[in-house]
């Protein structure tokens, strides 16, 4: 679980970095939509962002921020695959991970997403931007990260329960062994005492007798 926590911390830092540059991210999307003559439609999915990056980015700042966003999405998806391979056969964990796989599908429609409190990514958008264009795309990372944290919390709980059960089983095993060990010691002591008795010469009465 230590590696899992380290990877989670890394992803949280990456998401924080993007959040600090949300204005730059929205500006890049706005410019790409204008270049693509695509200003009527919302930013719906990751395929659309990738297409903007590949075809309609005209400056290094826009390329950098869109690349950062798509890279974080790929890293989160890879992390979800690693978590899935840990084989925690718990419905809640599987549900969290499956939801993330669906959300991170390049063709999945994100326009209806809305990150809720305590996330404030929507609050940094104008009403028009939030409602019609970018509310879904900026909500993606907070939602998938919440799912990951929830899944990891469930994994840690299961891991702790498993360790606790192993500890109890070990204690029970030790407790069952103690009477046997005590009995064995008593038997060995008894055998030694009997052996000492057998080595003593036979008792003879004092004085002399004549037949």
N, C-alpha and C. Protein backbone atom coordinates (compact mmCIF):
# COMPACT_ATOMS: atom_id res chain seq x y z
N UNK A 1 0.82 -1.22 0.00
CA UNK A 1 0.00 0.00 0.00
C UNK A 1 0.86 1.28 0.00
N UNK A 2 2.12 1.16 0.38
CA UNK A 2 2.97 2.36 0.41
C UNK A 2 3.18 2.92 -0.99
N UNK A 3 3.39 2.03 -1.98
CA UNK A 3 3.56 2.47 -3.36
C UNK A 3 2.29 3.14 -3.87
N UNK A 4 1.15 2.59 -3.49
CA UNK A 4 -0.13 3.16 -3.90
C UNK A 4 -0.27 4.59 -3.37
N UNK A 5 0.09 4.79 -2.11
CA UNK A 5 -0.01 6.12 -1.50
C UNK A 5 0.94 7.11 -2.17
N UNK A 6 2.14 6.64 -2.51
CA UNK A 6 3.10 7.51 -3.18
C UNK A 6 2.59 7.94 -4.55
N UNK A 7 2.02 7.00 -5.30
CA UNK A 7 1.47 7.32 -6.62
C UNK A 7 0.29 8.28 -6.50
N UNK A 8 -0.55 8.06 -5.49
CA UNK A 8 -1.68 8.96 -5.27
C UNK A 8 -1.18 10.38 -4.98
N UNK A 9 -0.17 10.48 -4.14
CA UNK A 9 0.38 11.80 -3.80
C UNK A 9 0.93 12.50 -5.04
N UNK A 10 1.61 11.74 -5.90
CA UNK A 10 2.15 12.30 -7.14
C UNK A 10 1.03 12.85 -8.02
N UNK A 11 -0.05 12.08 -8.18
CA UNK A 11 -1.16 12.52 -9.01
C UNK A 11 -1.86 13.74 -8.42
N UNK A 12 -1.97 13.77 -7.11
CA UNK A 12 -2.59 14.94 -6.46
C UNK A 12 -1.79 16.21 -6.73
N UNK A 13 -0.46 16.09 -6.72
CA UNK A 13 0.39 17.24 -7.02
C UNK A 13 0.23 17.69 -8.47
N UNK A 14 0.10 16.72 -9.36
CA UNK A 14 -0.08 17.04 -10.79
C UNK A 14 -1.42 17.75 -11.02
N UNK A 15 -2.46 17.26 -10.37
CA UNK A 15 -3.78 17.89 -10.50
C UNK A 15 -3.77 19.30 -9.91
N UNK A 16 -3.07 19.46 -8.81
CA UNK A 16 -2.95 20.78 -8.18
C UNK A 16 -2.25 21.76 -9.12
N UNK A 17 -1.21 21.26 -9.81
CA UNK A 17 -0.48 22.09 -10.76
C UNK A 17 -1.40 22.58 -11.88
N UNK A 18 -2.24 21.70 -12.40
CA UNK A 18 -3.17 22.09 -13.46
C UNK A 18 -4.22 23.07 -12.93
N UNK A 19 -4.72 22.80 -11.73
CA UNK A 19 -5.74 23.67 -11.15
C UNK A 19 -5.22 25.10 -10.99
N UNK A 20 -3.95 25.23 -10.62
CA UNK A 20 -3.35 26.56 -10.46
C UNK A 20 -3.28 27.31 -11.79
N UNK A 21 -3.37 26.56 -12.90
CA UNK A 21 -3.29 27.17 -14.23
C UNK A 21 -4.62 27.03 -14.99
N UNK A 22 -5.72 26.99 -14.25
CA UNK A 22 -7.02 26.77 -14.90
C UNK A 22 -7.35 27.88 -15.91
N UNK A 23 -7.02 29.11 -15.58
CA UNK A 23 -7.29 30.22 -16.51
C UNK A 23 -6.53 30.01 -17.82
N UNK A 24 -5.27 29.59 -17.70
CA UNK A 24 -4.46 29.30 -18.90
C UNK A 24 -5.07 28.16 -19.70
N UNK A 25 -5.57 27.14 -19.00
CA UNK A 25 -6.20 25.99 -19.65
C UNK A 25 -7.45 26.41 -20.42
N UNK A 26 -8.31 27.19 -19.79
CA UNK A 26 -9.54 27.65 -20.44
C UNK A 26 -9.22 28.56 -21.62
N UNK A 27 -8.23 29.42 -21.46
CA UNK A 27 -7.83 30.32 -22.55
C UNK A 27 -7.33 29.52 -23.75
N UNK A 28 -6.56 28.47 -23.49
CA UNK A 28 -6.06 27.62 -24.57
C UNK A 28 -7.21 26.93 -25.30
N UNK A 29 -8.17 26.41 -24.55
CA UNK A 29 -9.33 25.77 -25.17
C UNK A 29 -10.13 26.78 -25.98
N UNK A 30 -10.27 27.98 -25.45
CA UNK A 30 -11.03 29.03 -26.14
C UNK A 30 -10.38 29.38 -27.48
N UNK A 31 -9.06 29.51 -27.48
CA UNK A 31 -8.35 29.85 -28.72
C UNK A 31 -8.48 28.72 -29.74
N UNK A 32 -8.34 27.47 -29.24
CA UNK A 32 -8.44 26.32 -30.16
C UNK A 32 -9.84 26.20 -30.75
N UNK A 33 -10.85 26.45 -29.94
CA UNK A 33 -12.23 26.40 -30.44
C UNK A 33 -12.45 27.46 -31.52
N UNK A 34 -11.84 28.63 -31.29
CA UNK A 34 -11.98 29.70 -32.29
C UNK A 34 -11.26 29.32 -33.58
N UNK A 35 -10.06 28.77 -33.47
CA UNK A 35 -9.32 28.35 -34.66
C UNK A 35 -10.04 27.24 -35.42
N UNK A 36 -10.75 26.39 -34.67
CA UNK A 36 -11.46 25.27 -35.29
C UNK A 36 -12.87 25.65 -35.75
N UNK A 37 -13.23 26.94 -35.57
CA UNK A 37 -14.60 27.39 -35.88
C UNK A 37 -15.62 26.51 -35.17
N UNK A 38 -15.34 26.29 -33.88
CA UNK A 38 -16.09 25.30 -33.09
C UNK A 38 -16.68 25.95 -31.84
N UNK A 39 -16.98 27.25 -31.92
CA UNK A 39 -17.34 27.98 -30.71
C UNK A 39 -18.77 27.73 -30.24
N UNK A 40 -19.57 27.08 -31.04
CA UNK A 40 -20.96 26.83 -30.62
C UNK A 40 -21.05 25.63 -29.68
N UNK A 41 -20.18 24.65 -29.89
CA UNK A 41 -20.27 23.40 -29.12
C UNK A 41 -19.46 23.48 -27.82
N UNK A 42 -19.90 22.74 -26.81
CA UNK A 42 -19.08 22.62 -25.59
C UNK A 42 -17.89 21.70 -25.85
N UNK A 43 -16.91 21.76 -24.97
CA UNK A 43 -15.81 20.79 -25.02
C UNK A 43 -16.35 19.51 -24.39
N UNK A 44 -16.57 18.50 -25.24
CA UNK A 44 -17.33 17.33 -24.80
C UNK A 44 -16.49 16.17 -24.30
N UNK A 45 -15.33 15.93 -24.89
CA UNK A 45 -14.58 14.72 -24.54
C UNK A 45 -13.08 14.92 -24.74
N UNK A 46 -12.34 13.90 -24.35
CA UNK A 46 -10.88 13.97 -24.44
C UNK A 46 -10.39 13.90 -25.88
N UNK A 47 -11.14 13.24 -26.73
CA UNK A 47 -10.78 13.21 -28.16
C UNK A 47 -10.76 14.62 -28.74
N UNK A 48 -11.72 15.41 -28.33
CA UNK A 48 -11.81 16.78 -28.82
C UNK A 48 -10.60 17.60 -28.37
N UNK A 49 -10.21 17.43 -27.11
CA UNK A 49 -9.03 18.15 -26.60
C UNK A 49 -7.77 17.70 -27.35
N UNK A 50 -7.65 16.39 -27.59
CA UNK A 50 -6.50 15.87 -28.34
C UNK A 50 -6.47 16.43 -29.75
N UNK A 51 -7.64 16.55 -30.38
CA UNK A 51 -7.72 17.11 -31.72
C UNK A 51 -7.31 18.58 -31.73
N UNK A 52 -7.73 19.32 -30.71
CA UNK A 52 -7.30 20.72 -30.60
C UNK A 52 -5.78 20.80 -30.50
N UNK A 53 -5.21 19.94 -29.67
CA UNK A 53 -3.75 19.94 -29.48
C UNK A 53 -3.03 19.61 -30.78
N UNK A 54 -3.51 18.61 -31.48
CA UNK A 54 -2.83 18.14 -32.69
C UNK A 54 -3.00 19.09 -33.87
N UNK A 55 -4.13 19.80 -33.92
CA UNK A 55 -4.48 20.52 -35.15
C UNK A 55 -4.57 22.03 -35.01
N UNK A 56 -5.00 22.51 -33.85
CA UNK A 56 -5.38 23.92 -33.76
C UNK A 56 -4.59 24.75 -32.75
N UNK A 57 -3.55 24.17 -32.16
CA UNK A 57 -2.70 24.93 -31.22
C UNK A 57 -1.69 25.76 -32.00
N UNK A 58 -1.66 27.06 -31.75
CA UNK A 58 -0.76 27.94 -32.50
C UNK A 58 0.39 28.49 -31.66
N UNK A 59 0.43 28.15 -30.37
CA UNK A 59 1.54 28.67 -29.56
C UNK A 59 1.95 27.64 -28.51
N UNK A 60 3.14 27.83 -27.99
CA UNK A 60 3.73 26.84 -27.07
C UNK A 60 2.99 26.79 -25.73
N UNK A 61 2.46 27.91 -25.28
CA UNK A 61 1.74 27.93 -24.00
C UNK A 61 0.49 27.05 -24.07
N UNK A 62 -0.26 27.19 -25.15
CA UNK A 62 -1.46 26.36 -25.31
C UNK A 62 -1.10 24.89 -25.43
N UNK A 63 -0.06 24.60 -26.19
CA UNK A 63 0.37 23.20 -26.33
C UNK A 63 0.80 22.62 -24.99
N UNK A 64 1.53 23.42 -24.22
CA UNK A 64 2.02 22.93 -22.93
C UNK A 64 0.87 22.59 -21.99
N UNK A 65 -0.11 23.48 -21.87
CA UNK A 65 -1.18 23.26 -20.89
C UNK A 65 -2.12 22.13 -21.32
N UNK A 66 -2.40 22.03 -22.63
CA UNK A 66 -3.25 20.93 -23.10
C UNK A 66 -2.53 19.59 -22.97
N UNK A 67 -1.22 19.60 -23.22
CA UNK A 67 -0.42 18.38 -23.04
C UNK A 67 -0.41 17.95 -21.58
N UNK A 68 -0.28 18.92 -20.68
CA UNK A 68 -0.31 18.61 -19.24
C UNK A 68 -1.63 17.96 -18.86
N UNK A 69 -2.74 18.52 -19.31
CA UNK A 69 -4.06 17.97 -18.99
C UNK A 69 -4.20 16.54 -19.50
N UNK A 70 -3.86 16.31 -20.75
CA UNK A 70 -4.00 14.97 -21.34
C UNK A 70 -3.04 13.97 -20.70
N UNK A 71 -1.85 14.44 -20.33
CA UNK A 71 -0.88 13.55 -19.66
C UNK A 71 -1.41 13.11 -18.30
N UNK A 72 -2.00 14.04 -17.55
CA UNK A 72 -2.56 13.68 -16.24
C UNK A 72 -3.68 12.67 -16.40
N UNK A 73 -4.52 12.85 -17.41
CA UNK A 73 -5.60 11.88 -17.66
C UNK A 73 -5.03 10.50 -17.94
N UNK A 74 -3.97 10.43 -18.74
CA UNK A 74 -3.33 9.13 -19.04
C UNK A 74 -2.71 8.52 -17.80
N UNK A 75 -2.07 9.33 -16.97
CA UNK A 75 -1.44 8.84 -15.74
C UNK A 75 -2.49 8.30 -14.76
N UNK A 76 -3.62 8.99 -14.67
CA UNK A 76 -4.69 8.52 -13.79
C UNK A 76 -5.25 7.20 -14.29
N UNK A 77 -5.44 7.10 -15.59
CA UNK A 77 -5.96 5.85 -16.15
C UNK A 77 -5.00 4.69 -15.89
N UNK A 78 -3.71 4.93 -16.05
CA UNK A 78 -2.70 3.90 -15.79
C UNK A 78 -2.71 3.50 -14.32
N UNK A 79 -2.88 4.46 -13.44
CA UNK A 79 -2.94 4.17 -12.00
C UNK A 79 -4.17 3.34 -11.67
N UNK A 80 -5.28 3.64 -12.31
CA UNK A 80 -6.51 2.86 -12.09
C UNK A 80 -6.31 1.41 -12.54
N UNK A 81 -5.59 1.21 -13.63
CA UNK A 81 -5.29 -0.15 -14.10
C UNK A 81 -4.45 -0.88 -13.06
N UNK A 82 -3.46 -0.20 -12.48
CA UNK A 82 -2.63 -0.82 -11.44
C UNK A 82 -3.46 -1.18 -10.21
N UNK A 83 -4.35 -0.30 -9.81
CA UNK A 83 -5.22 -0.59 -8.66
C UNK A 83 -6.12 -1.78 -8.95
N UNK A 84 -6.62 -1.84 -10.17
CA UNK A 84 -7.50 -2.94 -10.56
C UNK A 84 -6.77 -4.28 -10.51
N UNK A 85 -5.47 -4.25 -10.81
CA UNK A 85 -4.68 -5.49 -10.82
C UNK A 85 -4.34 -5.98 -9.42
N UNK A 86 -4.59 -5.15 -8.39
CA UNK A 86 -4.37 -5.60 -7.02
C UNK A 86 -5.41 -6.62 -6.58
N UNK A 87 -6.48 -6.77 -7.38
CA UNK A 87 -7.48 -7.83 -7.20
C UNK A 87 -8.20 -7.76 -5.86
N UNK A 88 -8.62 -6.57 -5.49
CA UNK A 88 -9.54 -6.44 -4.36
C UNK A 88 -10.95 -6.69 -4.89
N UNK A 89 -11.46 -7.87 -4.63
CA UNK A 89 -12.76 -8.26 -5.20
C UNK A 89 -13.91 -7.68 -4.39
N UNK A 90 -13.91 -6.38 -4.23
CA UNK A 90 -14.97 -5.72 -3.47
C UNK A 90 -15.78 -4.86 -4.42
N UNK A 91 -17.08 -4.98 -4.33
CA UNK A 91 -17.96 -4.29 -5.27
C UNK A 91 -17.73 -2.78 -5.29
N UNK A 92 -17.60 -2.18 -4.10
CA UNK A 92 -17.43 -0.73 -4.04
C UNK A 92 -16.17 -0.27 -4.75
N UNK A 93 -15.07 -1.00 -4.56
CA UNK A 93 -13.80 -0.63 -5.20
C UNK A 93 -13.91 -0.77 -6.71
N UNK A 94 -14.48 -1.88 -7.16
CA UNK A 94 -14.66 -2.10 -8.59
C UNK A 94 -15.53 -1.01 -9.21
N UNK A 95 -16.56 -0.59 -8.49
CA UNK A 95 -17.46 0.45 -8.99
C UNK A 95 -16.71 1.77 -9.19
N UNK A 96 -15.88 2.15 -8.22
CA UNK A 96 -15.08 3.37 -8.33
C UNK A 96 -14.16 3.33 -9.55
N UNK A 97 -13.48 2.21 -9.73
CA UNK A 97 -12.52 2.11 -10.82
C UNK A 97 -13.21 2.04 -12.17
N UNK A 98 -14.32 1.31 -12.25
CA UNK A 98 -15.05 1.21 -13.51
C UNK A 98 -15.61 2.57 -13.93
N UNK A 99 -16.07 3.34 -12.96
CA UNK A 99 -16.56 4.69 -13.28
C UNK A 99 -15.44 5.54 -13.86
N UNK A 100 -14.24 5.41 -13.30
CA UNK A 100 -13.11 6.17 -13.83
C UNK A 100 -12.74 5.73 -15.25
N UNK A 101 -12.76 4.43 -15.50
CA UNK A 101 -12.46 3.95 -16.85
C UNK A 101 -13.45 4.53 -17.85
N UNK A 102 -14.71 4.59 -17.46
CA UNK A 102 -15.73 5.16 -18.35
C UNK A 102 -15.52 6.66 -18.57
N UNK A 103 -15.25 7.37 -17.48
CA UNK A 103 -15.05 8.82 -17.59
C UNK A 103 -13.83 9.17 -18.43
N UNK A 104 -12.78 8.35 -18.33
CA UNK A 104 -11.54 8.63 -19.04
C UNK A 104 -11.51 8.06 -20.45
N UNK A 105 -12.59 7.42 -20.85
CA UNK A 105 -12.70 6.96 -22.24
C UNK A 105 -12.65 8.18 -23.16
N UNK A 106 -11.77 8.19 -24.15
CA UNK A 106 -11.60 9.39 -24.99
C UNK A 106 -12.88 9.89 -25.64
N UNK A 107 -13.83 8.98 -25.91
CA UNK A 107 -15.06 9.37 -26.60
C UNK A 107 -16.21 9.66 -25.64
N UNK A 108 -15.99 9.51 -24.35
CA UNK A 108 -17.08 9.70 -23.38
C UNK A 108 -17.49 11.17 -23.30
N UNK A 109 -18.80 11.41 -23.32
CA UNK A 109 -19.33 12.77 -23.25
C UNK A 109 -19.23 13.30 -21.82
N UNK A 110 -18.43 14.33 -21.64
CA UNK A 110 -18.19 14.90 -20.31
C UNK A 110 -19.01 16.16 -20.05
N UNK A 111 -19.79 16.58 -21.01
CA UNK A 111 -20.43 17.90 -20.90
C UNK A 111 -21.40 18.00 -19.73
N UNK A 112 -21.93 16.87 -19.25
CA UNK A 112 -22.87 16.90 -18.14
C UNK A 112 -22.24 16.81 -16.76
N UNK A 113 -20.91 16.67 -16.70
CA UNK A 113 -20.24 16.54 -15.40
C UNK A 113 -20.24 17.87 -14.66
N UNK A 114 -20.30 17.76 -13.33
CA UNK A 114 -20.18 18.96 -12.50
C UNK A 114 -19.58 18.57 -11.16
N UNK A 115 -18.36 19.00 -10.93
CA UNK A 115 -17.69 18.71 -9.65
C UNK A 115 -18.40 19.47 -8.54
N UNK A 116 -18.64 18.77 -7.44
CA UNK A 116 -19.38 19.36 -6.32
C UNK A 116 -18.43 19.77 -5.19
N UNK A 117 -18.99 20.45 -4.20
CA UNK A 117 -18.25 20.85 -3.01
C UNK A 117 -17.53 19.63 -2.42
N UNK A 118 -16.27 19.76 -1.98
CA UNK A 118 -15.52 21.01 -1.75
C UNK A 118 -14.74 21.53 -2.95
N UNK A 119 -14.91 20.92 -4.12
CA UNK A 119 -14.17 21.39 -5.30
C UNK A 119 -14.76 22.71 -5.78
N UNK A 120 -13.87 23.60 -6.21
CA UNK A 120 -14.31 24.94 -6.61
C UNK A 120 -13.95 25.27 -8.05
N UNK A 121 -13.66 24.24 -8.86
CA UNK A 121 -13.25 24.51 -10.24
C UNK A 121 -14.35 25.21 -11.03
N UNK A 122 -15.61 24.87 -10.75
CA UNK A 122 -16.72 25.51 -11.45
C UNK A 122 -16.82 26.98 -11.07
N UNK A 123 -16.50 27.29 -9.82
CA UNK A 123 -16.63 28.67 -9.33
C UNK A 123 -15.68 29.64 -10.03
N UNK A 124 -14.61 29.09 -10.62
CA UNK A 124 -13.64 29.95 -11.30
C UNK A 124 -14.02 30.21 -12.75
N UNK A 125 -15.15 29.69 -13.17
CA UNK A 125 -15.65 29.94 -14.52
C UNK A 125 -16.79 30.96 -14.46
N UNK A 126 -16.99 31.66 -15.57
CA UNK A 126 -18.18 32.50 -15.65
C UNK A 126 -19.40 31.60 -15.78
N UNK A 127 -20.58 32.15 -15.53
CA UNK A 127 -21.81 31.34 -15.63
C UNK A 127 -21.96 30.73 -17.02
N UNK A 128 -21.66 31.52 -18.04
CA UNK A 128 -21.80 31.03 -19.42
C UNK A 128 -20.80 29.92 -19.70
N UNK A 129 -19.55 30.11 -19.26
CA UNK A 129 -18.52 29.08 -19.47
C UNK A 129 -18.88 27.79 -18.75
N UNK A 130 -19.32 27.92 -17.49
CA UNK A 130 -19.62 26.74 -16.68
C UNK A 130 -20.80 25.96 -17.25
N UNK A 131 -21.83 26.69 -17.67
CA UNK A 131 -23.05 26.04 -18.11
C UNK A 131 -22.94 25.46 -19.51
N UNK A 132 -22.25 26.18 -20.39
CA UNK A 132 -22.33 25.83 -21.81
C UNK A 132 -21.07 25.22 -22.42
N UNK A 133 -19.90 25.45 -21.83
CA UNK A 133 -18.70 25.06 -22.57
C UNK A 133 -17.68 24.22 -21.79
N UNK A 134 -17.31 24.64 -20.58
CA UNK A 134 -16.15 24.03 -19.93
C UNK A 134 -16.42 23.37 -18.59
N UNK A 135 -17.65 23.42 -18.12
CA UNK A 135 -17.96 22.86 -16.80
C UNK A 135 -17.61 21.39 -16.69
N UNK A 136 -17.89 20.62 -17.75
CA UNK A 136 -17.61 19.19 -17.73
C UNK A 136 -16.13 18.86 -17.76
N UNK A 137 -15.39 19.54 -18.63
CA UNK A 137 -13.98 19.20 -18.81
C UNK A 137 -13.16 19.56 -17.57
N UNK A 138 -13.52 20.67 -16.88
CA UNK A 138 -12.76 21.02 -15.67
C UNK A 138 -13.20 20.19 -14.46
N UNK A 139 -14.36 19.55 -14.57
CA UNK A 139 -14.84 18.71 -13.46
C UNK A 139 -14.26 17.30 -13.51
N UNK A 140 -13.70 16.91 -14.66
CA UNK A 140 -13.24 15.53 -14.84
C UNK A 140 -12.22 15.10 -13.81
N UNK A 141 -11.13 15.84 -13.68
CA UNK A 141 -10.05 15.41 -12.78
C UNK A 141 -10.47 15.37 -11.31
N UNK A 142 -11.18 16.38 -10.79
CA UNK A 142 -11.63 16.27 -9.40
C UNK A 142 -12.50 15.04 -9.14
N UNK A 143 -13.37 14.70 -10.09
CA UNK A 143 -14.28 13.57 -9.89
C UNK A 143 -13.51 12.24 -9.92
N UNK A 144 -12.61 12.07 -10.89
CA UNK A 144 -11.89 10.79 -10.95
C UNK A 144 -10.92 10.65 -9.78
N UNK A 145 -10.36 11.76 -9.31
CA UNK A 145 -9.47 11.68 -8.14
C UNK A 145 -10.26 11.34 -6.88
N UNK A 146 -11.47 11.85 -6.76
CA UNK A 146 -12.33 11.47 -5.62
C UNK A 146 -12.60 9.97 -5.65
N UNK A 147 -12.87 9.43 -6.83
CA UNK A 147 -13.12 7.99 -6.96
C UNK A 147 -11.90 7.18 -6.54
N UNK A 148 -10.72 7.63 -6.94
CA UNK A 148 -9.49 6.93 -6.59
C UNK A 148 -9.26 6.96 -5.08
N UNK A 149 -9.44 8.11 -4.47
CA UNK A 149 -9.24 8.21 -3.01
C UNK A 149 -10.23 7.33 -2.25
N UNK A 150 -11.45 7.28 -2.74
CA UNK A 150 -12.46 6.44 -2.10
C UNK A 150 -12.09 4.96 -2.24
N UNK A 151 -11.63 4.57 -3.43
CA UNK A 151 -11.23 3.18 -3.65
C UNK A 151 -10.04 2.80 -2.76
N UNK A 152 -9.06 3.69 -2.64
CA UNK A 152 -7.88 3.41 -1.81
C UNK A 152 -8.25 3.32 -0.34
N UNK A 153 -9.16 4.17 0.11
CA UNK A 153 -9.62 4.11 1.51
C UNK A 153 -10.25 2.75 1.80
N UNK A 154 -11.03 2.23 0.87
CA UNK A 154 -11.65 0.91 1.03
C UNK A 154 -10.58 -0.19 1.03
N UNK A 155 -9.57 -0.05 0.17
CA UNK A 155 -8.49 -1.02 0.12
C UNK A 155 -7.72 -1.05 1.45
N UNK A 156 -7.44 0.13 1.99
CA UNK A 156 -6.71 0.20 3.26
C UNK A 156 -7.50 -0.46 4.38
N UNK A 157 -8.80 -0.25 4.37
CA UNK A 157 -9.65 -0.86 5.40
C UNK A 157 -9.60 -2.38 5.30
N UNK A 158 -9.70 -2.90 4.06
CA UNK A 158 -9.63 -4.35 3.87
C UNK A 158 -8.26 -4.89 4.27
N UNK A 159 -7.21 -4.15 3.93
CA UNK A 159 -5.85 -4.56 4.27
C UNK A 159 -5.67 -4.63 5.78
N UNK A 160 -6.19 -3.63 6.50
CA UNK A 160 -6.09 -3.62 7.97
C UNK A 160 -6.86 -4.78 8.59
N UNK A 161 -8.05 -5.05 8.05
CA UNK A 161 -8.85 -6.17 8.56
C UNK A 161 -8.12 -7.50 8.35
N UNK A 162 -7.48 -7.64 7.18
CA UNK A 162 -6.76 -8.88 6.89
C UNK A 162 -5.59 -9.07 7.85
N UNK A 163 -4.86 -7.99 8.12
CA UNK A 163 -3.74 -8.07 9.07
C UNK A 163 -4.23 -8.40 10.47
N UNK A 164 -5.36 -7.81 10.86
CA UNK A 164 -5.94 -8.06 12.18
C UNK A 164 -6.35 -9.53 12.32
N UNK A 165 -6.96 -10.07 11.27
CA UNK A 165 -7.39 -11.47 11.31
C UNK A 165 -6.19 -12.41 11.40
N UNK A 166 -5.13 -12.08 10.66
CA UNK A 166 -3.92 -12.91 10.72
C UNK A 166 -3.32 -12.88 12.12
N UNK A 167 -3.34 -11.68 12.74
CA UNK A 167 -2.82 -11.57 14.10
C UNK A 167 -3.62 -12.40 15.08
N UNK A 168 -4.95 -12.40 14.94
CA UNK A 168 -5.80 -13.20 15.82
C UNK A 168 -5.55 -14.69 15.63
N UNK A 169 -5.40 -15.10 14.35
CA UNK A 169 -5.14 -16.51 14.07
C UNK A 169 -3.82 -16.95 14.66
N UNK A 170 -2.81 -16.06 14.58
CA UNK A 170 -1.50 -16.38 15.15
C UNK A 170 -1.58 -16.51 16.66
N UNK A 171 -2.36 -15.61 17.31
CA UNK A 171 -2.51 -15.68 18.77
C UNK A 171 -3.22 -16.95 19.19
N UNK A 172 -4.27 -17.32 18.44
CA UNK A 172 -5.00 -18.54 18.75
C UNK A 172 -4.10 -19.76 18.63
N UNK A 173 -3.26 -19.77 17.59
CA UNK A 173 -2.36 -20.90 17.37
C UNK A 173 -1.36 -21.02 18.52
N UNK A 174 -0.82 -19.87 18.96
CA UNK A 174 0.13 -19.87 20.08
C UNK A 174 -0.54 -20.33 21.36
N UNK A 175 -1.77 -19.86 21.59
CA UNK A 175 -2.49 -20.26 22.79
C UNK A 175 -2.78 -21.75 22.81
N UNK A 176 -3.08 -22.33 21.67
CA UNK A 176 -3.34 -23.77 21.61
C UNK A 176 -2.08 -24.57 21.87
N UNK A 177 -0.91 -24.01 21.54
CA UNK A 177 0.33 -24.75 21.68
C UNK A 177 0.82 -24.79 23.12
N UNK A 178 0.49 -23.79 23.94
CA UNK A 178 1.06 -23.69 25.28
C UNK A 178 0.78 -24.90 26.17
N UNK A 179 -0.48 -25.41 26.26
CA UNK A 179 -0.73 -26.58 27.10
C UNK A 179 0.08 -27.79 26.67
N UNK A 180 0.24 -27.96 25.35
CA UNK A 180 1.00 -29.11 24.84
C UNK A 180 2.46 -28.99 25.25
N UNK A 181 2.98 -27.73 25.14
CA UNK A 181 4.38 -27.54 25.51
C UNK A 181 4.58 -27.81 27.00
N UNK A 182 3.63 -27.35 27.85
CA UNK A 182 3.72 -27.58 29.29
C UNK A 182 3.66 -29.05 29.61
N UNK A 183 2.73 -29.76 28.96
CA UNK A 183 2.61 -31.21 29.18
C UNK A 183 3.89 -31.92 28.78
N UNK A 184 4.48 -31.46 27.67
CA UNK A 184 5.72 -32.08 27.21
C UNK A 184 6.83 -31.89 28.22
N UNK A 185 6.91 -30.70 28.81
CA UNK A 185 7.94 -30.44 29.81
C UNK A 185 7.73 -31.32 31.04
N UNK A 186 6.47 -31.44 31.47
CA UNK A 186 6.19 -32.27 32.63
C UNK A 186 6.56 -33.72 32.35
N UNK A 187 6.28 -34.20 31.15
CA UNK A 187 6.61 -35.59 30.79
C UNK A 187 8.11 -35.81 30.81
N UNK A 188 8.87 -34.83 30.27
CA UNK A 188 10.32 -34.98 30.24
C UNK A 188 10.90 -34.99 31.65
N UNK A 189 10.37 -34.08 32.50
CA UNK A 189 10.84 -34.05 33.89
C UNK A 189 10.54 -35.37 34.58
N UNK A 190 9.34 -35.91 34.36
CA UNK A 190 8.94 -37.18 34.97
C UNK A 190 9.85 -38.31 34.51
N UNK A 191 10.20 -38.31 33.22
CA UNK A 191 11.09 -39.35 32.70
C UNK A 191 12.47 -39.25 33.32
N UNK A 192 12.96 -38.02 33.51
CA UNK A 192 14.29 -37.86 34.11
C UNK A 192 14.28 -38.35 35.55
N UNK A 193 13.21 -38.03 36.29
CA UNK A 193 13.12 -38.48 37.69
C UNK A 193 13.09 -39.99 37.77
N UNK A 194 12.34 -40.62 36.88
CA UNK A 194 12.27 -42.09 36.88
C UNK A 194 13.62 -42.70 36.57
N UNK A 195 14.34 -42.03 35.66
CA UNK A 195 15.66 -42.57 35.29
C UNK A 195 16.62 -42.50 36.46
N UNK A 196 16.55 -41.36 37.22
CA UNK A 196 17.41 -41.23 38.39
C UNK A 196 17.10 -42.31 39.41
N UNK A 197 15.84 -42.59 39.63
CA UNK A 197 15.44 -43.62 40.59
C UNK A 197 15.98 -44.99 40.18
N UNK A 198 15.95 -45.27 38.87
CA UNK A 198 16.39 -46.60 38.41
C UNK A 198 17.89 -46.78 38.56
N UNK A 199 18.67 -45.69 38.63
CA UNK A 199 20.12 -45.80 38.77
C UNK A 199 20.57 -46.03 40.22
N UNK A 200 19.68 -45.81 41.21
CA UNK A 200 20.05 -46.02 42.62
C UNK A 200 20.19 -47.51 42.92
N UNK A 201 21.21 -47.93 43.74
CA UNK A 201 21.35 -49.37 44.10
C UNK A 201 20.18 -49.82 44.97
N UNK A 202 19.87 -51.11 44.89
CA UNK A 202 18.76 -51.67 45.70
C UNK A 202 19.07 -51.52 47.18
N UNK A 203 18.04 -51.25 47.97
CA UNK A 203 18.24 -51.06 49.41
C UNK A 203 18.52 -52.39 50.09
N UNK A 204 19.50 -52.41 51.02
CA UNK A 204 19.82 -53.62 51.79
C UNK A 204 19.69 -53.31 53.26
N UNK A 205 19.16 -54.22 54.07
CA UNK A 205 19.03 -53.97 55.51
C UNK A 205 20.40 -53.97 56.18
N UNK A 206 20.53 -53.24 57.27
CA UNK A 206 21.80 -53.18 58.00
C UNK A 206 22.06 -54.45 58.80
N UNK A 207 23.31 -54.68 59.28
CA UNK A 207 23.67 -55.86 60.08
C UNK A 207 24.02 -57.04 59.20
N UNK A 208 24.45 -58.12 59.81
CA UNK A 208 24.82 -59.34 59.06
C UNK A 208 23.92 -60.47 59.48
N UNK A 209 23.62 -61.28 58.53
CA UNK A 209 22.73 -62.44 58.76
C UNK A 209 23.48 -63.69 58.33
N UNK A 210 23.27 -64.73 59.10
CA UNK A 210 23.86 -66.04 58.73
C UNK A 210 22.76 -67.03 58.53
N UNK A 211 22.96 -67.86 57.60
CA UNK A 211 21.96 -68.89 57.31
C UNK A 211 22.26 -70.11 58.13
